[in-house]
Every structure is written in structure tokens, then in C-alpha cells.
Amino acid sequence: MALFPVVLMLFALGMERVEHRLSKLLEPDEEVQHYLDSASNAEVKELRKLGLPAGVARKRKRRARTEELDVARAS
């Protein structure tokens, strides 16, 4: 009976370590956070409809196309 508080404290300390590791893993990547901050509602709906991997691939293709156009205009 006297061990219960000690075991409970050790369990709480262990769970705190697990929570800290999980919070580091689940923090959004800087690129993802920037995209979500700057995305329009239509882009977010497209991501939701297509799924994240397909939507991100389409966004990268579009971004690459616009960068190519910018380079072509500059030259």
C-alpha cells in the first residue's frame, strides 16, 4: 500500500518523457506549416479531396512551373 504513491510518481515521470518525445515528433514541419499558413481555401479543399501526398505533389509541380516561368521572364 505504501508503494502505490511511488509507483504512481514513477509512472507519471515516464509518461511525461513519452509525451515530450511525441510532441517533438508531431510538431509540423516548417514547410508544411508555411504552406498551411499561406494556402487558400481551395487549395486546402483540394488537399482534403486528393489526400495529402497527391495534393503536395501537385502543389510542388505548380510551384516548379511558376519558378520556371519566372526564370524564363527574367532572361
PDB file of N, CA and C in Angstrom:
ATOM      1  N   MET A   1       0.816  -1.194   0.000  1.00  0.00           N
ATOM      2  CA  MET A   1       0.000   0.000   0.000  1.00  0.00           C
ATOM      3  C   MET A   1       0.860   1.258   0.000  1.00  0.00           C
ATOM      4  N   ALA A   2       2.010   1.214   0.659  1.00  0.00           N
ATOM      5  CA  ALA A   2       2.877   2.384   0.724  1.00  0.00           C
ATOM      6  C   ALA A   2       3.647   2.569  -0.588  1.00  0.00           C
ATOM      7  N   LEU A   3       3.707   1.535  -1.416  1.00  0.00           N
ATOM      8  CA  LEU A   3       4.413   1.637  -2.690  1.00  0.00           C
ATOM      9  C   LEU A   3       3.576   2.317  -3.777  1.00  0.00           C
ATOM     10  N   PHE A   4       2.287   2.388  -3.567  1.00  0.00           N
ATOM     11  CA  PHE A   4       1.411   2.950  -4.596  1.00  0.00           C
ATOM     12  C   PHE A   4       1.798   4.379  -4.984  1.00  0.00           C
ATOM     13  N   PRO A   5       2.037   5.298  -4.050  1.00  0.00           N
ATOM     14  CA  PRO A   5       2.429   6.663  -4.454  1.00  0.00           C
ATOM     15  C   PRO A   5       3.756   6.701  -5.216  1.00  0.00           C
ATOM     16  N   VAL A   6       4.689   5.853  -4.829  1.00  0.00           N
ATOM     17  CA  VAL A   6       5.990   5.813  -5.505  1.00  0.00           C
ATOM     18  C   VAL A   6       5.810   5.296  -6.933  1.00  0.00           C
ATOM     19  N   VAL A   7       5.046   4.232  -7.091  1.00  0.00           N
ATOM     20  CA  VAL A   7       4.794   3.668  -8.420  1.00  0.00           C
ATOM     21  C   VAL A   7       4.035   4.673  -9.283  1.00  0.00           C
ATOM     22  N   LEU A   8       3.076   5.352  -8.700  1.00  0.00           N
ATOM     23  CA  LEU A   8       2.309   6.354  -9.428  1.00  0.00           C
ATOM     24  C   LEU A   8       3.207   7.506  -9.882  1.00  0.00           C
ATOM     25  N   MET A   9       4.117   7.944  -9.049  1.00  0.00           N
ATOM     26  CA  MET A   9       5.043   9.018  -9.404  1.00  0.00           C
ATOM     27  C   MET A   9       5.987   8.571 -10.514  1.00  0.00           C
ATOM     28  N   LEU A  10       6.517   7.360 -10.446  1.00  0.00           N
ATOM     29  CA  LEU A  10       7.394   6.847 -11.498  1.00  0.00           C
ATOM     30  C   LEU A  10       6.641   6.728 -12.822  1.00  0.00           C
ATOM     31  N   PHE A  11       5.395   6.271 -12.759  1.00  0.00           N
ATOM     32  CA  PHE A  11       4.576   6.170 -13.963  1.00  0.00           C
ATOM     33  C   PHE A  11       4.350   7.556 -14.576  1.00  0.00           C
ATOM     34  N   ALA A  12       4.056   8.545 -13.738  1.00  0.00           N
ATOM     35  CA  ALA A  12       3.830   9.907 -14.221  1.00  0.00           C
ATOM     36  C   ALA A  12       5.099  10.475 -14.867  1.00  0.00           C
ATOM     37  N   LEU A  13       6.254  10.236 -14.268  1.00  0.00           N
ATOM     38  CA  LEU A  13       7.512  10.704 -14.842  1.00  0.00           C
ATOM     39  C   LEU A  13       7.804  10.028 -16.182  1.00  0.00           C
ATOM     40  N   GLY A  14       7.523   8.734 -16.261  1.00  0.00           N
ATOM     41  CA  GLY A  14       7.709   8.008 -17.514  1.00  0.00           C
ATOM     42  C   GLY A  14       6.784   8.524 -18.605  1.00  0.00           C
ATOM     43  N   MET A  15       5.543   8.780 -18.259  1.00  0.00           N
ATOM     44  CA  MET A  15       4.582   9.290 -19.242  1.00  0.00           C
ATOM     45  C   MET A  15       4.960  10.703 -19.709  1.00  0.00           C
ATOM     46  N   GLU A  16       5.546  11.488 -18.813  1.00  0.00           N
ATOM     47  CA  GLU A  16       5.986  12.829 -19.197  1.00  0.00           C
ATOM     48  C   GLU A  16       7.083  12.749 -20.257  1.00  0.00           C
ATOM     49  N   ARG A  17       8.006  11.800 -20.093  1.00  0.00           N
ATOM     50  CA  ARG A  17       9.065  11.615 -21.083  1.00  0.00           C
ATOM     51  C   ARG A  17       8.485  11.179 -22.425  1.00  0.00           C
ATOM     52  N   VAL A  18       7.527  10.266 -22.388  1.00  0.00           N
ATOM     53  CA  VAL A  18       6.883   9.800 -23.618  1.00  0.00           C
ATOM     54  C   VAL A  18       6.151  10.959 -24.296  1.00  0.00           C
ATOM     55  N   GLU A  19       5.436  11.745 -23.519  1.00  0.00           N
ATOM     56  CA  GLU A  19       4.705  12.885 -24.072  1.00  0.00           C
ATOM     57  C   GLU A  19       5.667  13.887 -24.713  1.00  0.00           C
ATOM     58  N   HIS A  20       6.800  14.132 -24.086  1.00  0.00           N
ATOM     59  CA  HIS A  20       7.778  15.074 -24.627  1.00  0.00           C
ATOM     60  C   HIS A  20       8.315  14.582 -25.969  1.00  0.00           C
ATOM     61  N   ARG A  21       8.637  13.293 -26.059  1.00  0.00           N
ATOM     62  CA  ARG A  21       9.135  12.733 -27.321  1.00  0.00           C
ATOM     63  C   ARG A  21       8.071  12.791 -28.412  1.00  0.00           C
ATOM     64  N   LEU A  22       6.839  12.474 -28.053  1.00  0.00           N
ATOM     65  CA  LEU A  22       5.759  12.516 -29.039  1.00  0.00           C
ATOM     66  C   LEU A  22       5.490  13.935 -29.525  1.00  0.00           C
ATOM     67  N   SER A  23       5.559  14.889 -28.627  1.00  0.00           N
ATOM     68  CA  SER A  23       5.304  16.275 -29.045  1.00  0.00           C
ATOM     69  C   SER A  23       6.369  16.748 -30.025  1.00  0.00           C
ATOM     70  N   LYS A  24       7.618  16.299 -29.862  1.00  0.00           N
ATOM     71  CA  LYS A  24       8.667  16.655 -30.815  1.00  0.00           C
ATOM     72  C   LYS A  24       8.404  16.015 -32.171  1.00  0.00           C
ATOM     73  N   LEU A  25       7.942  14.772 -32.179  1.00  0.00           N
ATOM     74  CA  LEU A  25       7.667  14.072 -33.432  1.00  0.00           C
ATOM     75  C   LEU A  25       6.460  14.646 -34.157  1.00  0.00           C
ATOM     76  N   LEU A  26       5.483  15.131 -33.420  1.00  0.00           N
ATOM     77  CA  LEU A  26       4.235  15.568 -34.023  1.00  0.00           C
ATOM     78  C   LEU A  26       4.207  17.047 -34.377  1.00  0.00           C
ATOM     79  N   GLU A  27       5.281  17.780 -34.093  1.00  0.00           N
ATOM     80  CA  GLU A  27       5.326  19.184 -34.485  1.00  0.00           C
ATOM     81  C   GLU A  27       5.338  19.257 -35.996  1.00  0.00           C
ATOM     82  N   PRO A  28       4.539  20.147 -36.566  1.00  0.00           N
ATOM     83  CA  PRO A  28       4.514  20.221 -38.032  1.00  0.00           C
ATOM     84  C   PRO A  28       5.846  20.701 -38.588  1.00  0.00           C
ATOM     85  N   ASP A  29       6.226  20.124 -39.709  1.00  0.00           N
ATOM     86  CA  ASP A  29       7.436  20.523 -40.399  1.00  0.00           C
ATOM     87  C   ASP A  29       7.309  21.991 -40.802  1.00  0.00           C
ATOM     88  N   GLU A  30       8.421  22.691 -40.895  1.00  0.00           N
ATOM     89  CA  GLU A  30       8.393  24.122 -41.209  1.00  0.00           C
ATOM     90  C   GLU A  30       7.744  24.373 -42.568  1.00  0.00           C
ATOM     91  N   GLU A  31       8.037  23.512 -43.551  1.00  0.00           N
ATOM     92  CA  GLU A  31       7.463  23.672 -44.885  1.00  0.00           C
ATOM     93  C   GLU A  31       5.950  23.461 -44.859  1.00  0.00           C
ATOM     94  N   VAL A  32       5.504  22.468 -44.106  1.00  0.00           N
ATOM     95  CA  VAL A  32       4.067  22.194 -44.001  1.00  0.00           C
ATOM     96  C   VAL A  32       3.364  23.350 -43.302  1.00  0.00           C
ATOM     97  N   GLN A  33       3.956  23.851 -42.240  1.00  0.00           N
ATOM     98  CA  GLN A  33       3.351  24.963 -41.510  1.00  0.00           C
ATOM     99  C   GLN A  33       3.258  26.206 -42.392  1.00  0.00           C
ATOM    100  N   HIS A  34       4.303  26.480 -43.173  1.00  0.00           N
ATOM    101  CA  HIS A  34       4.294  27.638 -44.074  1.00  0.00           C
ATOM    102  C   HIS A  34       3.200  27.464 -45.128  1.00  0.00           C
ATOM    103  N   TYR A  35       3.072  26.256 -45.670  1.00  0.00           N
ATOM    104  CA  TYR A  35       2.036  26.008 -46.677  1.00  0.00           C
ATOM    105  C   TYR A  35       0.644  26.216 -46.094  1.00  0.00           C
ATOM    106  N   LEU A  36       0.414  25.678 -44.911  1.00  0.00           N
ATOM    107  CA  LEU A  36      -0.904  25.815 -44.298  1.00  0.00           C
ATOM    108  C   LEU A  36      -1.225  27.264 -43.971  1.00  0.00           C
ATOM    109  N   ASP A  37      -0.213  28.031 -43.616  1.00  0.00           N
ATOM    110  CA  ASP A  37      -0.437  29.448 -43.324  1.00  0.00           C
ATOM    111  C   ASP A  37      -0.775  30.239 -44.583  1.00  0.00           C
ATOM    112  N   SER A  38      -0.180  29.847 -45.717  1.00  0.00           N
ATOM    113  CA  SER A  38      -0.366  30.634 -46.941  1.00  0.00           C
ATOM    114  C   SER A  38      -1.364  30.025 -47.921  1.00  0.00           C
ATOM    115  N   ALA A  39      -1.902  28.859 -47.640  1.00  0.00           N
ATOM    116  CA  ALA A  39      -2.804  28.181 -48.584  1.00  0.00           C
ATOM    117  C   ALA A  39      -4.187  28.827 -48.581  1.00  0.00           C
ATOM    118  N   SER A  40      -4.786  28.823 -49.754  1.00  0.00           N
ATOM    119  CA  SER A  40      -6.155  29.324 -49.857  1.00  0.00           C
ATOM    120  C   SER A  40      -7.131  28.206 -49.509  1.00  0.00           C
ATOM    121  N   ASN A  41      -8.386  28.555 -49.341  1.00  0.00           N
ATOM    122  CA  ASN A  41      -9.397  27.541 -49.021  1.00  0.00           C
ATOM    123  C   ASN A  41      -9.508  26.504 -50.124  1.00  0.00           C
ATOM    124  N   ALA A  42      -9.386  26.924 -51.379  1.00  0.00           N
ATOM    125  CA  ALA A  42      -9.484  25.984 -52.497  1.00  0.00           C
ATOM    126  C   ALA A  42      -8.346  24.970 -52.450  1.00  0.00           C
ATOM    127  N   GLU A  43      -7.140  25.431 -52.115  1.00  0.00           N
ATOM    128  CA  GLU A  43      -6.006  24.509 -52.027  1.00  0.00           C
ATOM    129  C   GLU A  43      -6.170  23.524 -50.881  1.00  0.00           C
ATOM    130  N   VAL A  44      -6.689  23.997 -49.768  1.00  0.00           N
ATOM    131  CA  VAL A  44      -6.912  23.110 -48.632  1.00  0.00           C
ATOM    132  C   VAL A  44      -7.985  22.078 -48.971  1.00  0.00           C
ATOM    133  N   LYS A  45      -9.042  22.507 -49.668  1.00  0.00           N
ATOM    134  CA  LYS A  45     -10.082  21.557 -50.086  1.00  0.00           C
ATOM    135  C   LYS A  45      -9.515  20.527 -51.057  1.00  0.00           C
ATOM    136  N   GLU A  46      -8.633  20.973 -51.952  1.00  0.00           N
ATOM    137  CA  GLU A  46      -8.005  20.050 -52.896  1.00  0.00           C
ATOM    138  C   GLU A  46      -7.163  19.017 -52.161  1.00  0.00           C
ATOM    139  N   LEU A  47      -6.402  19.465 -51.165  1.00  0.00           N
ATOM    140  CA  LEU A  47      -5.608  18.528 -50.364  1.00  0.00           C
ATOM    141  C   LEU A  47      -6.496  17.516 -49.667  1.00  0.00           C
ATOM    142  N   ARG A  48      -7.601  17.994 -49.135  1.00  0.00           N
ATOM    143  CA  ARG A  48      -8.510  17.099 -48.432  1.00  0.00           C
ATOM    144  C   ARG A  48      -9.122  16.088 -49.394  1.00  0.00           C
ATOM    145  N   LYS A  49      -9.449  16.535 -50.598  1.00  0.00           N
ATOM    146  CA  LYS A  49     -10.089  15.659 -51.580  1.00  0.00           C
ATOM    147  C   LYS A  49      -9.105  14.629 -52.126  1.00  0.00           C
ATOM    148  N   LEU A  50      -7.895  15.058 -52.476  1.00  0.00           N
ATOM    149  CA  LEU A  50      -6.916  14.178 -53.104  1.00  0.00           C
ATOM    150  C   LEU A  50      -6.117  13.355 -52.107  1.00  0.00           C
ATOM    151  N   GLY A  51      -6.031  13.823 -50.923  1.00  0.00           N
ATOM    152  CA  GLY A  51      -5.150  13.199 -49.949  1.00  0.00           C
ATOM    153  C   GLY A  51      -3.867  13.994 -49.884  1.00  0.00           C
ATOM    154  N   LEU A  52      -3.216  13.959 -48.781  1.00  0.00           N
ATOM    155  CA  LEU A  52      -2.041  14.801 -48.569  1.00  0.00           C
ATOM    156  C   LEU A  52      -0.909  14.530 -49.549  1.00  0.00           C
ATOM    157  N   PRO A  53      -0.468  13.290 -49.775  1.00  0.00           N
ATOM    158  CA  PRO A  53       0.674  13.095 -50.684  1.00  0.00           C
ATOM    159  C   PRO A  53       0.405  13.574 -52.108  1.00  0.00           C
ATOM    160  N   ALA A  54      -0.760  13.273 -52.649  1.00  0.00           N
ATOM    161  CA  ALA A  54      -1.081  13.690 -54.015  1.00  0.00           C
ATOM    162  C   ALA A  54      -1.215  15.208 -54.096  1.00  0.00           C
ATOM    163  N   GLY A  55      -1.827  15.808 -53.098  1.00  0.00           N
ATOM    164  CA  GLY A  55      -2.002  17.256 -53.087  1.00  0.00           C
ATOM    165  C   GLY A  55      -0.683  17.991 -52.983  1.00  0.00           C
ATOM    166  N   VAL A  56       0.214  17.498 -52.163  1.00  0.00           N
ATOM    167  CA  VAL A  56       1.522  18.130 -52.014  1.00  0.00           C
ATOM    168  C   VAL A  56       2.311  17.993 -53.313  1.00  0.00           C
ATOM    169  N   ALA A  57       2.206  16.833 -53.973  1.00  0.00           N
ATOM    170  CA  ALA A  57       2.909  16.647 -55.244  1.00  0.00           C
ATOM    171  C   ALA A  57       2.399  17.636 -56.290  1.00  0.00           C
ATOM    172  N   ARG A  58       1.091  17.832 -56.359  1.00  0.00           N
ATOM    173  CA  ARG A  58       0.533  18.788 -57.322  1.00  0.00           C
ATOM    174  C   ARG A  58       0.990  20.199 -57.004  1.00  0.00           C
ATOM    175  N   LYS A  59       1.036  20.551 -55.719  1.00  0.00           N
ATOM    176  CA  LYS A  59       1.472  21.886 -55.304  1.00  0.00           C
ATOM    177  C   LYS A  59       2.932  22.115 -55.697  1.00  0.00           C
ATOM    178  N   ARG A  60       3.780  21.100 -55.507  1.00  0.00           N
ATOM    179  CA  ARG A  60       5.195  21.236 -55.868  1.00  0.00           C
ATOM    180  C   ARG A  60       5.368  21.389 -57.371  1.00  0.00           C
ATOM    181  N   LYS A  61       4.575  20.636 -58.155  1.00  0.00           N
ATOM    182  CA  LYS A  61       4.648  20.770 -59.617  1.00  0.00           C
ATOM    183  C   LYS A  61       4.262  22.175 -60.040  1.00  0.00           C
ATOM    184  N   ARG A  62       3.182  22.704 -59.440  1.00  0.00           N
ATOM    185  CA  ARG A  62       2.748  24.061 -59.764  1.00  0.00           C
ATOM    186  C   ARG A  62       3.815  25.079 -59.400  1.00  0.00           C
ATOM    187  N   ARG A  63       4.420  24.906 -58.224  1.00  0.00           N
ATOM    188  CA  ARG A  63       5.454  25.837 -57.775  1.00  0.00           C
ATOM    189  C   ARG A  63       6.660  25.775 -58.713  1.00  0.00           C
ATOM    190  N   ALA A  64       7.046  24.571 -59.148  1.00  0.00           N
ATOM    191  CA  ALA A  64       8.179  24.421 -60.062  1.00  0.00           C
ATOM    192  C   ALA A  64       7.869  25.088 -61.397  1.00  0.00           C
ATOM    193  N   ARG A  65       6.623  24.943 -61.877  1.00  0.00           N
ATOM    194  CA  ARG A  65       6.226  25.570 -63.136  1.00  0.00           C
ATOM    195  C   ARG A  65       6.304  27.086 -63.039  1.00  0.00           C
ATOM    196  N   THR A  66       5.829  27.652 -61.935  1.00  0.00           N
ATOM    197  CA  THR A  66       5.868  29.111 -61.791  1.00  0.00           C
ATOM    198  C   THR A  66       7.302  29.608 -61.661  1.00  0.00           C
ATOM    199  N   GLU A  67       8.170  28.827 -61.007  1.00  0.00           N
ATOM    200  CA  GLU A  67       9.572  29.225 -60.907  1.00  0.00           C
ATOM    201  C   GLU A  67      10.237  29.187 -62.274  1.00  0.00           C
ATOM    202  N   GLU A  68       9.885  28.186 -63.115  1.00  0.00           N
ATOM    203  CA  GLU A  68      10.434  28.122 -64.465  1.00  0.00           C
ATOM    204  C   GLU A  68       9.970  29.328 -65.279  1.00  0.00           C
ATOM    205  N   LEU A  69       8.708  29.711 -65.117  1.00  0.00           N
ATOM    206  CA  LEU A  69       8.189  30.869 -65.837  1.00  0.00           C
ATOM    207  C   LEU A  69       8.904  32.137 -65.389  1.00  0.00           C
ATOM    208  N   ASP A  70       9.150  32.261 -64.085  1.00  0.00           N
ATOM    209  CA  ASP A  70       9.838  33.435 -63.579  1.00  0.00           C
ATOM    210  C   ASP A  70      11.256  33.517 -64.143  1.00  0.00           C
ATOM    211  N   VAL A  71      11.941  32.385 -64.247  1.00  0.00           N
ATOM    212  CA  VAL A  71      13.295  32.363 -64.800  1.00  0.00           C
ATOM    213  C   VAL A  71      13.257  32.719 -66.278  1.00  0.00           C
ATOM    214  N   ALA A  72      12.257  32.198 -67.011  1.00  0.00           N
ATOM    215  CA  ALA A  72      12.131  32.496 -68.434  1.00  0.00           C
ATOM    216  C   ALA A  72      11.837  33.986 -68.652  1.00  0.00           C
ATOM    217  N   ARG A  73      11.026  34.578 -67.801  1.00  0.00           N
ATOM    218  CA  ARG A  73      10.724  36.003 -67.926  1.00  0.00           C
ATOM    219  C   ARG A  73      11.931  36.867 -67.615  1.00  0.00           C
ATOM    220  N   ALA A  74      12.728  36.421 -66.665  1.00  0.00           N
ATOM    221  CA  ALA A  74      13.889  37.219 -66.255  1.00  0.00           C
ATOM    222  C   ALA A  74      14.973  37.215 -67.309  1.00  0.00           C
ATOM    223  N   SER A  75      15.027  36.165 -68.130  1.00  0.00           N
ATOM    224  CA  SER A  75      16.114  36.101 -69.118  1.00  0.00           C
ATOM    225  C   SER A  75      15.750  36.715 -70.440  1.00  0.00           C
TER     226      SER A  75
END
